[in-house]
Protein backbone atom coordinates (compact mmCIF):
# COMPACT_ATOMS: atom_id res chain seq x y z
CA MET A 1 33.02 40.00 -31.36
CA ALA A 2 31.19 36.72 -32.04
CA THR A 3 27.40 37.20 -32.61
CA THR A 4 25.22 35.39 -29.65
CA VAL A 5 21.89 33.88 -29.99
CA ALA A 6 20.11 36.83 -28.00
CA ASP A 7 21.95 39.27 -30.89
CA GLU A 8 20.42 36.79 -33.71
CA LYS A 9 16.84 36.70 -32.26
CA LYS A 10 16.97 40.83 -31.56
CA ASN A 11 17.87 41.32 -35.24
CA LEU A 12 15.78 38.69 -36.63
CA ARG A 13 12.36 39.80 -34.19
CA ALA A 14 13.14 43.47 -35.56
CA ILE A 15 13.05 42.11 -39.17
CA MET A 16 10.42 40.07 -38.86
CA ILE A 17 8.14 42.55 -36.99
CA ALA A 18 8.77 45.30 -39.45
CA CYS A 19 7.50 43.28 -42.36
CA ARG A 20 4.68 41.82 -40.54
CA GLU A 21 3.46 45.59 -39.78
CA ALA A 22 4.06 46.83 -43.18
CA LEU A 23 1.24 44.55 -44.47
CA PRO A 24 -1.91 46.60 -45.53
CA GLY A 25 -4.68 45.67 -42.75
CA GLU A 26 -7.15 44.30 -45.39
CA ARG A 27 -4.63 41.72 -46.67
CA ALA A 28 -3.71 40.98 -42.97
CA ALA A 29 -7.34 40.54 -42.05
CA ALA A 30 -7.68 38.28 -45.19
CA TRP A 31 -4.92 35.90 -44.38
CA SER A 32 -5.76 35.76 -40.71
CA GLU A 33 -9.39 34.76 -41.53
CA ILE A 34 -7.74 32.00 -43.77
CA VAL A 35 -5.65 30.79 -40.88
CA GLN A 36 -8.31 30.42 -38.29
CA ARG A 37 -10.43 28.39 -40.93
CA GLN A 38 -7.35 26.05 -41.48
CA VAL A 39 -7.20 25.75 -37.63
CA ILE A 40 -10.88 24.98 -37.38
CA ALA A 41 -10.81 22.35 -39.84
CA SER A 42 -7.87 20.76 -38.59
CA LYS A 43 -7.93 17.48 -36.46
CA PRO A 44 -5.97 18.87 -33.49
CA TYR A 45 -8.95 21.52 -33.03
CA ARG A 46 -11.77 19.16 -33.83
CA ASP A 47 -10.35 16.95 -31.00
CA ALA A 48 -9.99 19.69 -28.38
CA CYS A 49 -12.31 19.96 -25.65
CA ALA A 50 -10.60 23.36 -24.36
CA VAL A 51 -8.95 26.06 -26.52
CA VAL A 52 -6.14 28.67 -25.42
CA LEU A 53 -6.54 31.84 -27.58
CA TYR A 54 -5.05 35.00 -27.50
CA ALA A 55 -6.10 38.62 -28.39
CA ALA A 56 -4.13 39.48 -31.39
CA ILE A 57 -2.10 43.06 -31.37
CA GLY A 58 -0.68 44.80 -34.31
CA ASN A 59 -1.11 42.47 -37.54
CA GLU A 60 -0.91 39.59 -35.75
CA VAL A 61 -3.38 36.59 -36.82
CA SER A 62 -6.53 37.37 -35.31
CA THR A 63 -8.29 34.81 -33.20
CA ASP A 64 -11.67 36.21 -33.35
CA LEU A 65 -13.36 33.54 -35.97
CA LEU A 66 -11.99 30.81 -33.44
CA LEU A 67 -13.20 32.35 -30.46
CA ALA A 68 -16.86 32.34 -31.89
CA ASP A 69 -16.49 28.82 -33.18
CA ALA A 70 -15.16 27.80 -30.03
CA LEU A 71 -18.27 29.28 -27.84
CA ALA A 72 -20.45 27.90 -30.43
CA SER A 73 -19.26 24.47 -30.00
CA ASP A 74 -19.41 24.69 -26.51
CA ARG A 75 -15.41 24.32 -25.97
CA ALA A 76 -14.22 25.77 -22.98
CA VAL A 77 -12.13 29.18 -24.02
CA PHE A 78 -9.21 30.55 -21.93
CA TYR A 79 -7.10 33.64 -22.63
CA PRO A 80 -3.77 34.60 -21.14
CA SER A 81 -3.81 36.66 -18.37
CA GLY A 82 -0.37 38.78 -17.79
CA ALA A 83 1.14 37.74 -21.19
CA GLY A 84 3.14 40.86 -20.86
CA ARG A 85 3.63 41.25 -24.88
CA SER A 86 4.24 45.04 -24.98
CA PRO A 87 3.92 46.89 -28.34
CA SER A 88 7.43 47.56 -28.02
CA GLY A 89 8.89 44.37 -26.03
CA ALA A 90 10.21 46.48 -23.55
CA GLY A 91 10.07 47.29 -19.80
CA ARG A 92 10.01 45.32 -16.72
CA ARG A 93 6.18 44.69 -16.54
CA ALA A 94 6.40 43.70 -19.91
CA ARG A 95 8.97 41.16 -19.43
CA HIS A 96 7.13 40.01 -16.01
CA GLY A 97 3.69 40.50 -16.75
CA VAL A 98 1.10 40.15 -14.38
CA GLY A 99 -0.03 36.57 -14.59
CA ASP A 100 3.12 35.88 -11.70
CA PRO A 101 5.27 39.04 -11.20
CA ALA A 102 8.01 36.62 -9.84
CA THR A 103 8.59 34.98 -12.60
CA GLY A 104 6.95 36.12 -15.43
CA THR A 105 4.17 33.09 -16.42
CA ILE A 106 1.58 33.07 -17.96
CA VAL A 107 -1.88 32.32 -16.26
CA ALA A 108 -4.85 31.48 -18.96
CA ARG A 109 -8.27 32.18 -17.67
CA ARG A 110 -11.53 31.21 -18.94
CA ILE A 111 -14.26 33.26 -20.57
CA ARG A 112 -17.69 32.22 -21.72
CA ASP A 113 -18.51 35.50 -23.58
CA ARG A 114 -16.07 38.13 -25.59
CA ALA A 115 -17.41 40.78 -23.68
CA GLU A 116 -15.79 39.28 -20.45
CA LEU A 117 -12.20 40.49 -21.80
CA VAL A 118 -10.97 43.53 -20.43
CA GLY A 119 -8.27 45.69 -21.11
CA GLY A 120 -5.07 44.80 -19.25
CA THR A 121 -1.32 45.43 -19.39
CA TYR A 122 -0.80 47.89 -22.37
CA GLY A 123 -4.32 47.48 -23.66
CA ILE A 124 -4.28 43.90 -24.48
CA LEU A 125 -7.57 42.27 -23.87
CA GLU A 126 -7.41 39.47 -21.22
CA PRO A 127 -9.78 38.16 -18.56
CA PRO A 128 -10.57 39.59 -15.13
CA VAL A 129 -8.06 38.13 -12.68
CA SER A 130 -11.51 36.48 -10.88
CA SER A 131 -11.89 34.31 -13.95
CA GLU A 132 -11.38 30.34 -13.33
CA VAL A 133 -7.62 29.50 -13.96
CA LEU A 134 -6.86 26.63 -16.25
CA ASP A 135 -6.26 23.28 -15.16
CA SER A 136 -5.10 21.47 -18.16
CA LYS A 137 -5.89 18.05 -16.38
CA SER A 138 -9.51 18.59 -16.03
CA PHE A 139 -9.60 18.43 -20.08
CA ALA A 140 -8.96 15.34 -22.16
CA LYS A 141 -7.48 17.69 -24.91
CA VAL A 142 -6.54 21.21 -25.02
CA LEU A 143 -5.31 22.98 -27.95
CA VAL A 144 -3.28 26.28 -27.37
CA CYS A 145 -2.89 28.83 -29.98
CA VAL A 146 0.36 30.71 -29.77
CA PRO A 147 1.22 34.02 -31.40
CA GLY A 148 4.92 34.78 -32.56
CA VAL A 149 7.30 36.96 -34.55
CA ALA A 150 8.79 33.90 -36.62
CA PHE A 151 8.69 30.21 -36.26
CA GLY A 152 10.73 27.33 -37.76
CA LEU A 153 9.81 24.26 -39.54
CA GLU A 154 10.76 21.86 -36.59
CA GLY A 155 8.42 23.98 -34.25
CA GLN A 156 10.97 26.73 -33.08
CA ARG A 157 9.12 30.10 -32.40
CA LEU A 158 10.58 33.45 -31.82
CA GLY A 159 8.39 35.61 -29.73
CA ARG A 160 8.61 39.07 -28.37
CA GLY A 161 11.16 38.18 -25.45
CA GLY A 162 10.38 37.27 -21.89
CA GLY A 163 10.22 33.95 -22.45
CA HIS A 164 6.25 33.93 -21.08
CA TYR A 165 4.90 31.24 -23.29
CA ASP A 166 7.85 28.96 -23.05
CA ARG A 167 7.21 28.74 -19.34
CA PHE A 168 3.38 28.62 -19.86
CA ILE A 169 4.14 25.63 -22.51
CA GLY A 170 6.30 24.02 -19.98
CA GLN A 171 3.78 23.93 -17.36
CA LEU A 172 0.92 22.32 -19.65
CA GLY A 173 0.43 18.22 -19.32
CA GLY A 174 1.28 15.96 -22.46
CA GLU A 175 -2.24 16.08 -24.05
CA ALA A 176 -1.86 19.87 -24.55
CA ILE A 177 -1.26 20.43 -28.33
CA THR A 178 0.47 23.74 -29.23
CA VAL A 179 -0.30 25.64 -32.47
CA GLY A 180 1.46 28.61 -33.70
CA LEU A 181 -0.66 31.09 -36.04
CA ALA A 182 1.47 32.82 -38.35
CA PHE A 183 1.51 34.42 -41.88
CA SER A 184 3.42 32.05 -44.40
CA PHE A 185 6.34 34.65 -45.05
CA GLN A 186 6.81 34.18 -40.74
CA LEU A 187 7.81 30.47 -41.46
CA LEU A 188 11.55 30.15 -41.83
CA ASP A 189 13.35 26.60 -42.16
CA ARG A 190 15.16 27.42 -38.80
CA ILE A 191 15.46 30.14 -36.10
CA PRO A 192 18.04 31.09 -33.43
CA GLU A 193 17.08 29.27 -30.19
CA THR A 194 18.52 28.17 -26.76
CA GLY A 195 17.89 25.24 -24.17
CA LEU A 196 14.76 27.24 -22.72
CA ASP A 197 12.70 27.53 -25.71
CA ARG A 198 9.75 25.26 -26.39
CA ARG A 199 9.03 24.20 -29.55
CA LEU A 200 5.26 24.07 -31.02
CA ASN A 201 3.68 20.76 -32.40
CA PHE A 202 1.88 22.80 -35.38
CA ILE A 203 2.26 25.97 -37.49
CA VAL A 204 -0.65 27.26 -39.25
CA THR A 205 -0.57 29.48 -42.32
CA GLU A 206 -2.95 30.78 -44.77
CA SER A 207 -0.87 28.35 -47.04
CA GLU A 208 -0.85 25.15 -44.69
CA VAL A 209 -0.98 23.37 -41.67
CA HIS A 210 2.63 22.16 -40.89
CA ARG A 211 3.12 19.45 -38.55
CA ALA A 212 6.40 20.43 -36.63
CA CYS A 213 7.29 17.90 -33.48
CA GLU A 214 5.57 15.57 -31.75
CA ALA A 215 5.47 17.19 -28.67
CA PRO A 216 6.25 20.46 -27.25
CA LEU A 217 9.76 19.40 -26.76
CA LEU A 218 12.71 21.77 -25.26
CA ALA A 219 14.79 22.73 -28.01
CA ARG A 220 17.96 21.36 -28.62
CA ARG A 221 21.05 22.60 -26.21
CA THR A 222 22.41 23.91 -29.34
CA ARG A 223 22.31 27.08 -31.09
CA THR A 224 22.32 27.47 -34.75
CA LYS A 225 25.65 29.14 -36.48
CA GLU A 226 23.47 30.86 -38.95
CA VAL A 227 19.79 32.11 -39.10
CA ASN A 228 19.21 30.11 -42.65
CA PRO A 229 15.56 30.72 -44.54
CA GLY A 230 16.50 28.60 -47.42
CA GLY A 231 15.74 29.34 -50.98
CA SER A 232 12.74 29.86 -53.14
CA ASN A 233 13.14 26.31 -54.39
CA HIS A 234 12.40 24.83 -50.69
CA GLY A 235 9.27 22.80 -50.40
CA ASN A 236 7.64 25.42 -48.23
CA PRO A 237 6.07 28.05 -50.52
CA GLY A 238 6.24 30.79 -47.68
CA ILE A 239 9.94 30.62 -47.62
CA HIS A 240 11.99 32.98 -50.03
CA SER A 241 15.55 33.33 -50.63
CA TRP A 242 15.27 37.31 -50.35
CA TRP A 243 15.06 36.90 -46.10
CA ARG A 244 18.78 36.18 -46.43
CA GLY A 245 19.17 39.56 -47.85
CA LEU A 246 17.17 40.98 -45.10
CA LEU A 247 19.13 39.36 -42.36
CA HIS A 248 22.60 40.22 -44.14
CA LEU A 249 21.05 43.92 -43.98
CA GLY A 250 20.05 43.55 -40.54
CA ASN A 251 23.53 42.29 -39.39
CA ASN A 252 25.38 45.46 -40.92
CA GLU A 253 22.73 47.77 -39.18
CA THR A 254 23.52 46.64 -35.98
CA ALA A 255 27.05 45.73 -36.06
């Protein structure tokens, strides 16, 4: 039976989540700090009037430093409401979220203090439903920080499933800049995608600020024939040949 894009995503997602969650907490926290400082030092962040952050779960890259800096520098700060990122990635409520139950679309709402964040779906912190909703047209530049399980060099993103951020990014205006936050081992040379996936402008890791594409484009309407993380001699220091062995192992386990 031929492997589908959905199968490839599921296999890669399981591997990458397991690797990320296996990181010692101290290392994840240290790398998260470096990633955030890279973002703060970047031109897209310096130019932004408004910033969309997310509340990290597990060993996702934290955004706490970004929140503190954005509030201190009088940038408007928004968080997703109804992101639907359950720890297991399963369940109807997780897939549809509470931003828009009919479509599973994220709604970004403004906060002016960290204390405004409350436990939402699955305990993930989010703004109260009474908070102001983001209108990207009200700001000259909006920077959107996006979590993910894995990212590709051309801006591809593998999330937890459900397409919430893909729909959210698709609704943003052309002035919005999207940035994936990740550890360097999560940046692969390409990952499986469909025509509904949205690519990101930048991927920021503890090793680099990688410019991926000029706009949050729709992915090409072609599937990758192989998940190909490349070799250890690739120009990107976060890509290593042993990923191919992990992916091969995962394929055998799910056959």
